[in-house]
Amino acid sequence: MTAKTYTPRESEIDRRWYVVDAADETLGRLASRVAHVLIGKHKPTYAPHLDSGDHVIILNAGRIAVSRDKLESKLYIRHSGHPQGYKEETLGHLLERRPEEVIRRAVKGMLPHNRLGAQQLRKLKVYAGSDHPHQAQRPEPLA
């Protein structure tokens, strides 16, 4: 008996477009659902070394649901590498300044931390409002 592992070719990967309304959705639960689709784990042809995922459009990023405690306690920290280059920002402040960035960072943390994850993250489109320029792709609602 010879069992062969099936690996999809790049030409066999069928990419679809999905749209998600983030209004009143919990941040982490939405991010894990979206990361699952971007990676391609929802397809029977999933291969961990290939980018077989789909494109995802997230609308109404400014209306994402986050607990009051997390708005004040969750910090986004960065350092420029220079002396006194330490910067920190709360989730509440980043949410009012750039709501798209909050969702993008949450999804990015759930993707692989290598070139493949960067390639998968490029298929994520996040918009603060309910309009998007991807009507030509005919996106379907994500279940």
Protein backbone atom coordinates (compact mmCIF):
# COMPACT_ATOMS: atom_id res chain seq x y z
CA MET A 1 0.00 0.00 0.00
CA THR A 2 1.37 3.40 -0.97
CA ALA A 3 -0.30 6.43 0.54
CA LYS A 4 0.57 9.74 -1.05
CA THR A 5 0.08 13.10 0.56
CA TYR A 6 -1.91 15.50 -1.60
CA THR A 7 -0.37 18.93 -2.09
CA PRO A 8 -2.32 21.51 -4.09
CA ARG A 9 -0.56 23.37 -6.89
CA GLU A 10 -0.64 27.15 -7.03
CA SER A 11 -2.90 26.96 -10.10
CA GLU A 12 -5.40 24.75 -8.25
CA ILE A 13 -5.93 27.20 -5.37
CA ASP A 14 -9.31 28.92 -5.71
CA ARG A 15 -9.41 32.27 -3.91
CA ARG A 16 -12.73 33.75 -2.86
CA TRP A 17 -13.66 37.09 -1.29
CA TYR A 18 -15.57 37.36 1.97
CA VAL A 19 -17.00 40.40 3.74
CA VAL A 20 -17.51 40.68 7.52
CA ASP A 21 -19.41 43.34 9.44
CA ALA A 22 -17.45 44.00 12.64
CA ALA A 23 -20.20 46.05 14.32
CA ASP A 24 -20.82 44.71 17.86
CA GLU A 25 -18.48 41.73 17.31
CA THR A 26 -15.93 40.78 19.98
CA LEU A 27 -12.41 41.70 18.84
CA GLY A 28 -10.63 38.41 19.58
CA ARG A 29 -13.39 36.14 18.32
CA LEU A 30 -13.66 38.08 15.08
CA ALA A 31 -9.87 38.06 14.64
CA SER A 32 -9.60 34.29 15.11
CA ARG A 33 -12.42 33.65 12.60
CA VAL A 34 -10.76 35.91 10.05
CA ALA A 35 -7.28 34.42 10.62
CA HIS A 36 -8.72 30.93 10.06
CA VAL A 37 -10.01 32.01 6.63
CA LEU A 38 -6.83 33.93 5.68
CA ILE A 39 -4.69 30.87 6.46
CA GLY A 40 -7.05 28.60 4.49
CA LYS A 41 -7.83 26.08 7.21
CA HIS A 42 -11.51 26.08 6.23
CA LYS A 43 -10.67 24.38 2.89
CA PRO A 44 -10.12 20.67 2.32
CA THR A 45 -7.02 21.52 0.25
CA TYR A 46 -5.24 23.22 3.18
CA ALA A 47 -1.47 22.85 3.24
CA PRO A 48 0.52 24.52 6.04
CA HIS A 49 3.40 25.52 3.75
CA LEU A 50 1.22 27.21 1.09
CA ASP A 51 -0.92 30.32 1.14
CA SER A 52 -4.27 28.77 0.18
CA GLY A 53 -6.47 31.23 2.09
CA ASP A 54 -9.11 33.66 0.89
CA HIS A 55 -9.43 37.44 0.88
CA VAL A 56 -11.38 39.04 3.74
CA ILE A 57 -12.91 42.53 3.88
CA ILE A 58 -13.81 43.83 7.35
CA LEU A 59 -16.28 46.73 7.57
CA ASN A 60 -17.25 48.99 10.51
CA ALA A 61 -13.95 48.50 12.34
CA GLY A 62 -14.73 51.52 14.51
CA ARG A 63 -17.76 49.77 16.03
CA ILE A 64 -15.94 46.66 17.32
CA ALA A 65 -16.98 45.49 20.80
CA VAL A 66 -14.33 45.61 23.53
CA SER A 67 -14.84 45.54 27.30
CA ARG A 68 -14.36 48.80 29.21
CA ASP A 69 -11.53 47.31 31.27
CA LYS A 70 -9.63 46.28 28.14
CA LEU A 71 -10.02 49.75 26.61
CA GLU A 72 -7.93 51.17 29.44
CA SER A 73 -5.61 48.29 30.36
CA LYS A 74 -4.52 46.81 27.00
CA LEU A 75 -1.39 48.55 25.75
CA TYR A 76 0.22 48.65 22.33
CA ILE A 77 3.94 49.14 22.89
CA ARG A 78 6.72 49.99 20.45
CA HIS A 79 10.32 51.17 20.67
CA SER A 80 12.21 53.06 17.99
CA GLY A 81 15.60 51.81 19.16
CA HIS A 82 16.75 55.29 20.11
CA PRO A 83 17.15 56.54 23.68
CA GLN A 84 13.75 57.58 25.05
CA GLY A 85 12.12 55.90 22.02
CA TYR A 86 9.59 53.93 24.11
CA LYS A 87 5.98 54.64 23.14
CA GLU A 88 2.82 53.08 24.49
CA GLU A 89 -0.80 53.61 23.57
CA THR A 90 -4.00 52.20 25.08
CA LEU A 91 -6.51 50.24 23.06
CA GLY A 92 -9.12 52.96 23.57
CA HIS A 93 -6.84 55.67 22.21
CA LEU A 94 -5.80 53.59 19.17
CA LEU A 95 -9.43 52.63 18.53
CA GLU A 96 -10.51 56.24 18.25
CA ARG A 97 -7.40 57.26 16.28
CA ARG A 98 -7.05 54.32 13.83
CA PRO A 99 -9.74 51.61 14.30
CA GLU A 100 -8.50 49.61 11.30
CA GLU A 101 -5.12 49.13 12.97
CA VAL A 102 -6.65 47.48 16.06
CA ILE A 103 -8.21 44.69 14.00
CA ARG A 104 -5.17 44.35 11.73
CA ARG A 105 -2.85 43.86 14.73
CA ALA A 106 -5.20 41.34 16.36
CA VAL A 107 -5.36 39.25 13.18
CA LYS A 108 -1.61 39.60 12.55
CA GLY A 109 -0.88 38.06 15.94
CA MET A 110 -2.88 34.96 14.98
CA LEU A 111 -1.08 34.36 11.69
CA PRO A 112 2.30 32.63 11.27
CA HIS A 113 5.22 34.89 12.20
CA ASN A 114 7.17 34.45 8.95
CA ARG A 115 7.00 35.44 5.27
CA LEU A 116 3.96 33.23 4.76
CA GLY A 117 2.07 35.11 7.47
CA ALA A 118 2.99 38.44 5.87
CA GLN A 119 1.66 37.16 2.54
CA GLN A 120 -1.59 36.05 4.21
CA LEU A 121 -1.99 39.40 5.99
CA ARG A 122 -1.90 41.22 2.64
CA LYS A 123 -5.23 39.57 1.79
CA LEU A 124 -6.92 41.36 4.72
CA LYS A 125 -8.70 44.65 3.94
CA VAL A 126 -10.05 46.64 6.91
CA TYR A 127 -12.27 49.74 6.68
CA ALA A 128 -13.58 51.95 9.49
CA GLY A 129 -16.90 52.62 7.72
CA SER A 130 -19.35 50.48 5.78
CA ASP A 131 -18.07 51.34 2.28
CA HIS A 132 -15.34 49.45 0.43
CA PRO A 133 -13.87 49.60 -3.09
CA HIS A 134 -14.02 45.83 -3.71
CA GLN A 135 -17.52 45.52 -5.22
CA ALA A 136 -16.07 44.10 -8.46
CA GLN A 137 -14.84 40.99 -6.59
CA ARG A 138 -18.44 40.22 -5.46
CA PRO A 139 -17.60 39.33 -1.84
CA GLU A 140 -19.85 36.92 0.05
CA PRO A 141 -20.79 37.27 3.73
CA LEU A 142 -18.58 35.14 5.98
CA ALA A 143 -20.58 32.55 7.92
